[in-house]
Amino acid sequence: MSLSSLASTQTLRIHVIRCDEEPGLGFAGLFQVLRLAAIELGEDRLLLDVATAGELPDTQADLILLVADEELAAGRMPAVQAHCRKAGRYGAVGAVFEWLKERGEIKNDGAQLYDLEHSPLTCCGGAAAIDFALALVKACFGEAVQAAIMETLCVTQVRAPDVPRPQARQRLQPVLAEALRLMETHIEEPLNSDDIANLVGISRRQLERLFKQHLGNMPARYYLEMRLQHARNLLLESHHSIVQVGLMCGFSSGAHFATAYGTLFGITPREERQRKIALSRN
């Protein structure tokens, strides 16, 4: 079933199936966009079901989106694929996309952020899941619905599908990959750039050159945005207090957390949480 056919479906039923143990940024972004679309459109236009690979829905769907942020539950994938065959169309996000690519089952070679043209739909995951979901909403429900969701999420731009994909971790220089791993494992107690450079065995200047060349950003800025993205995920998907979220993401000062968050997202942590509460009541 083409996207134009999905767009003409009177009531579109979408299943989002999480195929890993713990949800991450890719799932959070995809789910948040589609949840807001369901609220905007109402149940007579969009029905959204969320399930796991271990507990597949017993209803049929027009579109199934498989998503995994971390290690894929590969043993469950045959049953998941059988479930997908019952749908008009399906898509793969994150680790599911990588798994299908390794098996030669998709046309997207992984060089672009996402692909809505071929079957299955594909997305490299992470933050690109937001672009993918917003583009999907526009294709199925129109630009006005997409714009309303973007305003709610404070998203100003949707990246095009053919924007080059960020370097895959395994393709990065080993030193840079190790630096990113250190950042990810020290979210709550951040390392400074000198510490990271020393731990990976290079100078700070060499570290900065690698980040600028491969990631287009300086290490400190990249690290800060990584922590703030994690904070946003916690604000939207957990019940931790705003103070707890700030501490869990390495901000010892509530004022510093609020300022940095507002600078990146255009909204304070408190406003983000209040908006989440308001949407949950609708």
Protein backbone atom coordinates (compact mmCIF):
# COMPACT_ATOMS: atom_id res chain seq x y z
CA MET A 1 0.00 0.00 0.00
CA SER A 2 1.43 3.39 -1.02
CA LEU A 3 1.50 6.46 1.21
CA SER A 4 -1.16 8.03 -1.00
CA SER A 5 -3.36 5.02 -0.30
CA LEU A 6 -2.70 5.37 3.42
CA ALA A 7 -3.64 9.04 3.19
CA SER A 8 -7.00 8.16 1.66
CA THR A 9 -7.82 5.58 4.35
CA GLN A 10 -10.82 6.83 6.32
CA THR A 11 -9.50 5.68 9.71
CA LEU A 12 -5.79 4.89 9.63
CA ARG A 13 -4.61 2.35 12.19
CA ILE A 14 -0.90 2.44 13.00
CA HIS A 15 0.91 -0.07 15.20
CA VAL A 16 4.23 1.01 16.74
CA ILE A 17 6.08 -2.11 17.90
CA ARG A 18 9.13 -1.74 20.13
CA CYS A 19 11.66 -4.48 19.36
CA ASP A 20 14.19 -3.90 22.14
CA GLU A 21 14.15 -4.05 25.94
CA GLU A 22 14.29 -0.35 26.83
CA PRO A 23 12.94 2.59 24.80
CA GLY A 24 15.37 5.30 23.75
CA LEU A 25 15.44 8.52 21.76
CA GLY A 26 14.23 6.96 18.49
CA PHE A 27 11.14 5.41 20.06
CA ALA A 28 10.42 8.52 22.13
CA GLY A 29 10.58 10.80 19.09
CA LEU A 30 8.48 8.55 16.87
CA PHE A 31 5.85 7.91 19.53
CA GLN A 32 5.61 11.54 20.61
CA VAL A 33 4.92 12.79 17.07
CA LEU A 34 2.34 10.09 16.34
CA ARG A 35 0.66 10.53 19.73
CA LEU A 36 0.24 14.23 19.05
CA ALA A 37 -1.12 13.43 15.58
CA ALA A 38 -3.69 11.08 17.13
CA ILE A 39 -4.76 13.82 19.57
CA GLU A 40 -4.94 16.40 16.77
CA LEU A 41 -6.95 14.17 14.42
CA GLY A 42 -9.12 12.15 16.80
CA GLU A 43 -9.90 8.43 16.80
CA ASP A 44 -12.15 8.68 13.77
CA ARG A 45 -9.06 9.56 11.68
CA LEU A 46 -6.08 7.92 13.40
CA LEU A 47 -5.88 4.98 15.78
CA LEU A 48 -2.46 4.46 17.36
CA ASP A 49 -1.51 1.23 19.14
CA VAL A 50 1.83 0.66 20.87
CA ALA A 51 3.09 -2.84 21.66
CA THR A 52 6.27 -4.85 22.14
CA ALA A 53 7.73 -7.68 20.06
CA GLY A 54 6.78 -10.07 22.86
CA GLU A 55 3.13 -8.96 22.97
CA LEU A 56 2.00 -8.28 19.42
CA PRO A 57 -1.43 -6.70 18.86
CA ASP A 58 -4.21 -9.08 17.85
CA THR A 59 -5.73 -6.49 15.52
CA GLN A 60 -4.68 -5.68 11.98
CA ALA A 61 -3.02 -2.41 11.01
CA ASP A 62 -2.70 -0.30 7.88
CA LEU A 63 0.86 0.59 8.83
CA ILE A 64 3.26 -1.09 11.27
CA LEU A 65 6.38 0.72 12.46
CA LEU A 66 9.09 -1.41 14.05
CA VAL A 67 11.56 0.47 16.23
CA ALA A 68 14.55 -0.46 18.37
CA ASP A 69 17.10 1.90 19.88
CA GLU A 70 19.45 -0.59 21.47
CA GLU A 71 20.17 -4.28 21.00
CA LEU A 72 17.48 -5.90 18.89
CA ALA A 73 15.43 -8.80 20.26
CA ALA A 74 16.40 -10.83 17.18
CA GLY A 75 14.76 -14.02 18.42
CA ARG A 76 11.35 -12.39 18.24
CA MET A 77 11.79 -10.93 14.76
CA PRO A 78 10.35 -13.88 12.73
CA ALA A 79 7.03 -13.50 14.57
CA VAL A 80 7.20 -9.72 14.15
CA GLN A 81 7.82 -10.03 10.41
CA ALA A 82 4.89 -12.44 10.09
CA HIS A 83 2.73 -9.85 11.84
CA CYS A 84 3.98 -7.18 9.41
CA ARG A 85 2.90 -9.25 6.42
CA LYS A 86 -0.70 -8.81 7.56
CA ALA A 87 -0.46 -5.03 7.22
CA GLY A 88 -0.71 -2.89 4.13
CA ARG A 89 2.77 -1.47 4.74
CA TYR A 90 5.47 -1.43 7.39
CA GLY A 91 8.55 0.53 8.38
CA ALA A 92 11.81 -0.07 10.24
CA VAL A 93 13.50 2.42 12.57
CA GLY A 94 16.90 2.29 14.26
CA ALA A 95 18.31 -1.15 15.03
CA VAL A 96 15.50 -2.86 13.09
CA PHE A 97 16.55 -0.91 10.01
CA GLU A 98 20.18 -2.01 10.52
CA TRP A 99 19.07 -5.63 10.99
CA LEU A 100 17.07 -5.63 7.75
CA LYS A 101 19.89 -3.90 5.89
CA GLU A 102 22.34 -6.60 6.93
CA ARG A 103 19.89 -9.21 5.60
CA GLY A 104 19.57 -7.41 2.25
CA GLU A 105 15.83 -6.81 2.71
CA ILE A 106 15.74 -3.04 2.18
CA LYS A 107 16.71 -0.62 -0.60
CA ASN A 108 17.90 2.24 1.63
CA ASP A 109 21.69 1.85 1.77
CA GLY A 110 21.85 3.78 5.02
CA ALA A 111 23.40 6.93 3.56
CA GLN A 112 20.29 9.04 4.18
CA LEU A 113 18.23 9.81 7.27
CA TYR A 114 15.01 8.13 6.16
CA ASP A 115 13.16 6.79 3.14
CA LEU A 116 9.41 7.11 2.55
CA GLU A 117 9.54 6.10 -1.10
CA HIS A 118 10.30 2.39 -0.88
CA SER A 119 8.86 -0.53 1.04
CA PRO A 120 9.57 -0.97 3.85
CA LEU A 121 9.80 2.61 5.05
CA THR A 122 13.13 3.12 6.82
CA CYS A 123 14.79 5.49 9.25
CA CYS A 124 18.28 5.37 10.80
CA GLY A 125 16.78 6.14 14.22
CA GLY A 126 17.82 8.47 17.02
CA ALA A 127 16.78 12.10 16.52
CA ALA A 128 16.04 11.36 12.83
CA ALA A 129 12.94 9.46 14.00
CA ILE A 130 11.31 12.85 14.68
CA ASP A 131 11.98 14.02 11.10
CA PHE A 132 10.76 10.67 9.77
CA ALA A 133 7.54 10.78 11.80
CA LEU A 134 6.82 14.41 10.90
CA ALA A 135 7.36 13.69 7.20
CA LEU A 136 5.07 10.67 7.49
CA VAL A 137 2.37 12.78 9.17
CA LYS A 138 2.57 15.34 6.37
CA ALA A 139 2.32 12.63 3.69
CA CYS A 140 -0.70 11.00 5.33
CA PHE A 141 -2.56 13.91 6.94
CA GLY A 142 -1.30 17.11 5.37
CA GLU A 143 0.91 20.06 6.14
CA ALA A 144 -1.48 21.71 8.63
CA VAL A 145 -1.38 18.72 10.98
CA GLN A 146 2.41 18.53 10.66
CA ALA A 147 2.70 22.26 11.47
CA ALA A 148 0.53 21.92 14.58
CA ILE A 149 2.73 19.12 15.92
CA MET A 150 5.91 21.02 15.13
CA GLU A 151 4.61 24.01 17.07
CA THR A 152 3.81 21.82 20.08
CA LEU A 153 7.25 20.21 20.01
CA CYS A 154 9.05 23.49 19.29
CA VAL A 155 10.51 21.98 16.11
CA THR A 156 11.29 24.64 13.51
CA GLN A 157 12.49 22.48 10.62
CA VAL A 158 12.07 18.95 9.29
CA ARG A 159 15.22 17.62 7.70
CA ALA A 160 14.82 16.24 4.17
CA PRO A 161 15.22 12.47 3.74
CA ASP A 162 18.29 12.85 1.54
CA VAL A 163 20.24 14.84 4.11
CA PRO A 164 23.42 12.80 4.62
CA ARG A 165 23.16 10.53 7.61
CA PRO A 166 25.53 11.24 10.51
CA GLN A 167 28.52 8.96 10.44
CA ALA A 168 27.58 5.54 11.78
CA ARG A 169 29.46 4.78 14.98
CA GLN A 170 31.29 1.84 13.46
CA ARG A 171 32.52 4.04 10.59
CA LEU A 172 34.01 6.67 12.87
CA GLN A 173 37.64 6.63 13.82
CA PRO A 174 38.04 4.32 16.83
CA VAL A 175 39.28 7.21 18.99
CA LEU A 176 36.18 9.29 18.21
CA ALA A 177 33.86 6.33 18.76
CA GLU A 178 35.46 5.78 22.17
CA ALA A 179 35.05 9.47 23.03
CA LEU A 180 31.33 9.25 22.22
CA ARG A 181 31.02 6.10 24.31
CA LEU A 182 32.60 7.91 27.26
CA MET A 183 30.15 10.78 26.87
CA GLU A 184 27.16 8.44 26.76
CA THR A 185 28.26 6.57 29.87
CA HIS A 186 28.97 9.76 31.84
CA ILE A 187 25.72 11.67 31.38
CA GLU A 188 25.11 12.13 35.12
CA GLU A 189 28.70 13.07 35.95
CA PRO A 190 30.06 14.70 32.76
CA LEU A 191 33.73 14.61 31.91
CA ASN A 192 35.47 17.72 30.63
CA SER A 193 37.14 17.78 27.22
CA ASP A 194 40.62 17.41 28.70
CA ASP A 195 39.56 14.30 30.61
CA ILE A 196 38.04 12.74 27.50
CA ALA A 197 41.10 13.53 25.41
CA ASN A 198 43.40 11.98 28.04
CA LEU A 199 41.26 8.84 28.33
CA VAL A 200 41.32 8.22 24.56
CA GLY A 201 45.04 9.05 24.31
CA ILE A 202 45.05 12.24 22.22
CA SER A 203 45.40 15.98 22.86
CA ARG A 204 42.40 18.22 23.40
CA ARG A 205 43.15 20.00 20.12
CA GLN A 206 43.15 16.67 18.25
CA LEU A 207 39.83 15.75 19.89
CA GLU A 208 38.29 19.05 18.83
CA ARG A 209 39.56 18.57 15.28
CA LEU A 210 37.99 15.10 15.07
CA PHE A 211 34.62 16.32 16.36
CA LYS A 212 34.60 19.27 13.98
CA GLN A 213 35.55 17.10 11.00
CA HIS A 214 33.14 14.20 11.60
CA LEU A 215 30.30 15.67 13.65
CA GLY A 216 30.40 19.36 12.76
CA ASN A 217 30.55 20.48 16.37
CA MET A 218 32.95 21.04 19.23
CA PRO A 219 33.14 18.30 21.90
CA ALA A 220 31.73 20.44 24.73
CA ARG A 221 28.76 21.61 22.66
CA TYR A 222 28.06 18.12 21.31
CA TYR A 223 28.19 16.71 24.84
CA LEU A 224 25.86 19.40 26.19
CA GLU A 225 23.27 18.75 23.47
CA MET A 226 23.52 15.00 24.12
CA ARG A 227 22.74 15.57 27.81
CA LEU A 228 19.88 17.94 27.02
CA GLN A 229 18.34 15.48 24.55
CA HIS A 230 18.49 12.85 27.28
CA ALA A 231 16.88 15.31 29.70
CA ARG A 232 14.04 15.98 27.26
CA ASN A 233 13.43 12.26 26.89
CA LEU A 234 13.23 11.90 30.69
CA LEU A 235 10.87 14.88 31.02
CA LEU A 236 8.50 13.43 28.43
CA GLU A 237 8.70 9.75 29.26
CA SER A 238 9.43 9.47 33.02
CA HIS A 239 7.93 10.64 36.28
CA HIS A 240 11.18 12.04 37.70
CA SER A 241 10.93 15.58 39.05
CA ILE A 242 12.53 18.40 37.08
CA VAL A 243 15.25 18.69 39.73
CA GLN A 244 15.95 14.94 39.48
CA VAL A 245 16.12 15.12 35.69
CA GLY A 246 18.62 17.97 35.85
CA LEU A 247 20.82 16.05 38.29
CA MET A 248 20.56 12.84 36.22
CA CYS A 249 21.84 14.77 33.21
CA GLY A 250 24.78 16.41 34.96
CA PHE A 251 23.34 19.81 35.92
CA SER A 252 24.07 20.68 39.54
CA SER A 253 22.24 24.01 39.22
CA GLY A 254 18.55 24.23 38.37
CA ALA A 255 19.11 27.66 36.85
CA HIS A 256 21.87 26.35 34.57
CA PHE A 257 19.68 23.43 33.51
CA ALA A 258 16.72 25.71 32.71
CA THR A 259 18.86 28.20 30.78
CA ALA A 260 20.65 25.55 28.71
CA TYR A 261 17.39 23.71 28.01
CA GLY A 262 15.60 26.88 26.97
CA THR A 263 18.45 27.92 24.69
CA LEU A 264 18.37 24.59 22.81
CA PHE A 265 14.63 23.88 22.72
CA GLY A 266 13.05 27.32 23.14
CA ILE A 267 11.05 26.15 26.17
CA THR A 268 11.96 25.66 29.84
CA PRO A 269 11.93 22.22 31.51
CA ARG A 270 8.93 23.29 33.61
CA GLU A 271 7.01 24.38 30.51
CA GLU A 272 7.94 21.09 28.81
CA ARG A 273 6.55 19.08 31.72
CA GLN A 274 3.41 21.25 31.99
CA ARG A 275 2.76 20.78 28.28
CA LYS A 276 3.11 17.01 28.67
CA ILE A 277 0.59 17.03 31.55
CA ALA A 278 -1.85 19.16 29.58
CA LEU A 279 -1.66 16.86 26.55
CA SER A 280 -2.18 13.75 28.70
CA ARG A 281 -5.44 15.22 29.99
CA ASN A 282 -6.88 15.80 26.52
